């Protein structure tokens, strides 16, 4: 059974309604936004290239090359 992740914080949920009903402190609208890509073995920041095996680890860090200051990865 697939898991669903928030694109901004990496929170994992077994279904989309459960994911999107929760609050996300990193999302622009305050709600978890589903990551629309498939699960991967490694996620890469599109600004600095740092890699992490977990979305939550990647999005928790600061990125010196992103104007917003957080690591970000393409969602598709």
C-alpha atoms as a PDB file:
ATOM      1  CA  UNK A   1       0.000   0.000   0.000  1.00  0.00           C
ATOM      2  CA  UNK A   2       1.499   3.366  -0.981  1.00  0.00           C
ATOM      3  CA  UNK A   3       2.191   6.161   1.455  1.00  0.00           C
ATOM      4  CA  UNK A   4       1.438   9.814   0.822  1.00  0.00           C
ATOM      5  CA  UNK A   5       3.826  12.577   1.861  1.00  0.00           C
ATOM      6  CA  UNK A   6       3.589  16.326   2.382  1.00  0.00           C
ATOM      7  CA  UNK A   7       5.752  18.163  -0.150  1.00  0.00           C
ATOM      8  CA  UNK A   8       6.696  20.815   2.430  1.00  0.00           C
ATOM      9  CA  UNK A   9       7.516  18.830   5.577  1.00  0.00           C
ATOM     10  CA  UNK A  10       7.575  15.158   4.573  1.00  0.00           C
ATOM     11  CA  UNK A  11       4.778  14.089   6.923  1.00  0.00           C
ATOM     12  CA  UNK A  12       3.636  10.586   5.935  1.00  0.00           C
ATOM     13  CA  UNK A  13       0.037   9.392   5.808  1.00  0.00           C
ATOM     14  CA  UNK A  14      -1.721   6.269   4.495  1.00  0.00           C
ATOM     15  CA  UNK A  15      -4.248   8.330   2.498  1.00  0.00           C
ATOM     16  CA  UNK A  16      -4.684  11.810   1.022  1.00  0.00           C
ATOM     17  CA  UNK A  17      -7.704  12.921   3.123  1.00  0.00           C
ATOM     18  CA  UNK A  18      -5.815  12.179   6.339  1.00  0.00           C
ATOM     19  CA  UNK A  19      -2.756  14.012   5.011  1.00  0.00           C
ATOM     20  CA  UNK A  20      -4.537  17.147   3.809  1.00  0.00           C
ATOM     21  CA  UNK A  21      -6.645  17.479   6.966  1.00  0.00           C
ATOM     22  CA  UNK A  22      -3.548  18.135   9.062  1.00  0.00           C
ATOM     23  CA  UNK A  23      -1.757  21.413   9.683  1.00  0.00           C
ATOM     24  CA  UNK A  24       1.711  21.971   8.198  1.00  0.00           C
ATOM     25  CA  UNK A  25       3.939  24.698   9.654  1.00  0.00           C
ATOM     26  CA  UNK A  26       6.053  24.842   6.473  1.00  0.00           C
ATOM     27  CA  UNK A  27       3.298  25.075   3.853  1.00  0.00           C
ATOM     28  CA  UNK A  28       2.292  28.492   2.476  1.00  0.00           C
ATOM     29  CA  UNK A  29      -1.385  27.806   3.218  1.00  0.00           C
ATOM     30  CA  UNK A  30      -0.830  26.051   6.558  1.00  0.00           C
ATOM     31  CA  UNK A  31      -2.053  22.630   5.365  1.00  0.00           C
ATOM     32  CA  UNK A  32      -0.137  19.579   4.206  1.00  0.00           C
ATOM     33  CA  UNK A  33       0.185  19.585   0.405  1.00  0.00           C
ATOM     34  CA  UNK A  34       0.581  16.138  -1.193  1.00  0.00           C
ATOM     35  CA  UNK A  35       3.894  15.349  -2.853  1.00  0.00           C
ATOM     36  CA  UNK A  36       2.825  14.306  -6.347  1.00  0.00           C
ATOM     37  CA  UNK A  37       5.855  12.251  -7.304  1.00  0.00           C
ATOM     38  CA  UNK A  38       6.542   8.621  -6.623  1.00  0.00           C
ATOM     39  CA  UNK A  39       8.460   7.327  -3.618  1.00  0.00           C
ATOM     40  CA  UNK A  40      12.196   7.425  -4.305  1.00  0.00           C
ATOM     41  CA  UNK A  41      15.290   6.084  -2.653  1.00  0.00           C
ATOM     42  CA  UNK A  42      16.819   9.594  -2.655  1.00  0.00           C
ATOM     43  CA  UNK A  43      15.391  13.123  -2.826  1.00  0.00           C
ATOM     44  CA  UNK A  44      17.547  15.990  -4.141  1.00  0.00           C
ATOM     45  CA  UNK A  45      17.271  19.719  -3.406  1.00  0.00           C
ATOM     46  CA  UNK A  46      16.792  21.524  -6.720  1.00  0.00           C
ATOM     47  CA  UNK A  47      18.762  24.557  -5.518  1.00  0.00           C
ATOM     48  CA  UNK A  48      21.920  23.112  -3.957  1.00  0.00           C
ATOM     49  CA  UNK A  49      21.915  19.419  -4.904  1.00  0.00           C
ATOM     50  CA  UNK A  50      22.055  17.969  -1.391  1.00  0.00           C
ATOM     51  CA  UNK A  51      20.522  14.489  -1.220  1.00  0.00           C
ATOM     52  CA  UNK A  52      18.505  12.728   1.461  1.00  0.00           C
ATOM     53  CA  UNK A  53      16.699   9.394   1.672  1.00  0.00           C
ATOM     54  CA  UNK A  54      13.727  11.080   3.388  1.00  0.00           C
ATOM     55  CA  UNK A  55      11.613  14.092   2.400  1.00  0.00           C
ATOM     56  CA  UNK A  56      11.313  15.137   6.047  1.00  0.00           C
ATOM     57  CA  UNK A  57      15.095  15.213   6.498  1.00  0.00           C
ATOM     58  CA  UNK A  58      15.594  17.231   3.333  1.00  0.00           C
ATOM     59  CA  UNK A  59      12.865  19.783   4.067  1.00  0.00           C
ATOM     60  CA  UNK A  60      14.021  20.217   7.689  1.00  0.00           C
ATOM     61  CA  UNK A  61      17.333  21.733   6.622  1.00  0.00           C
ATOM     62  CA  UNK A  62      18.245  25.209   5.470  1.00  0.00           C
ATOM     63  CA  UNK A  63      19.452  25.790   1.916  1.00  0.00           C
ATOM     64  CA  UNK A  64      21.982  28.561   1.294  1.00  0.00           C
ATOM     65  CA  UNK A  65      21.077  28.769  -2.414  1.00  0.00           C
ATOM     66  CA  UNK A  66      17.280  29.004  -2.153  1.00  0.00           C
ATOM     67  CA  UNK A  67      15.992  32.604  -1.772  1.00  0.00           C
ATOM     68  CA  UNK A  68      13.372  31.298   0.687  1.00  0.00           C
ATOM     69  CA  UNK A  69      16.119  29.568   2.674  1.00  0.00           C
ATOM     70  CA  UNK A  70      14.779  25.989   2.700  1.00  0.00           C
ATOM     71  CA  UNK A  71      15.680  22.925   0.669  1.00  0.00           C
ATOM     72  CA  UNK A  72      13.153  22.265  -2.085  1.00  0.00           C
ATOM     73  CA  UNK A  73      12.762  19.433  -4.547  1.00  0.00           C
ATOM     74  CA  UNK A  74      10.736  19.136  -7.751  1.00  0.00           C
ATOM     75  CA  UNK A  75       7.397  17.496  -7.051  1.00  0.00           C
ATOM     76  CA  UNK A  76       7.104  15.777 -10.435  1.00  0.00           C
END
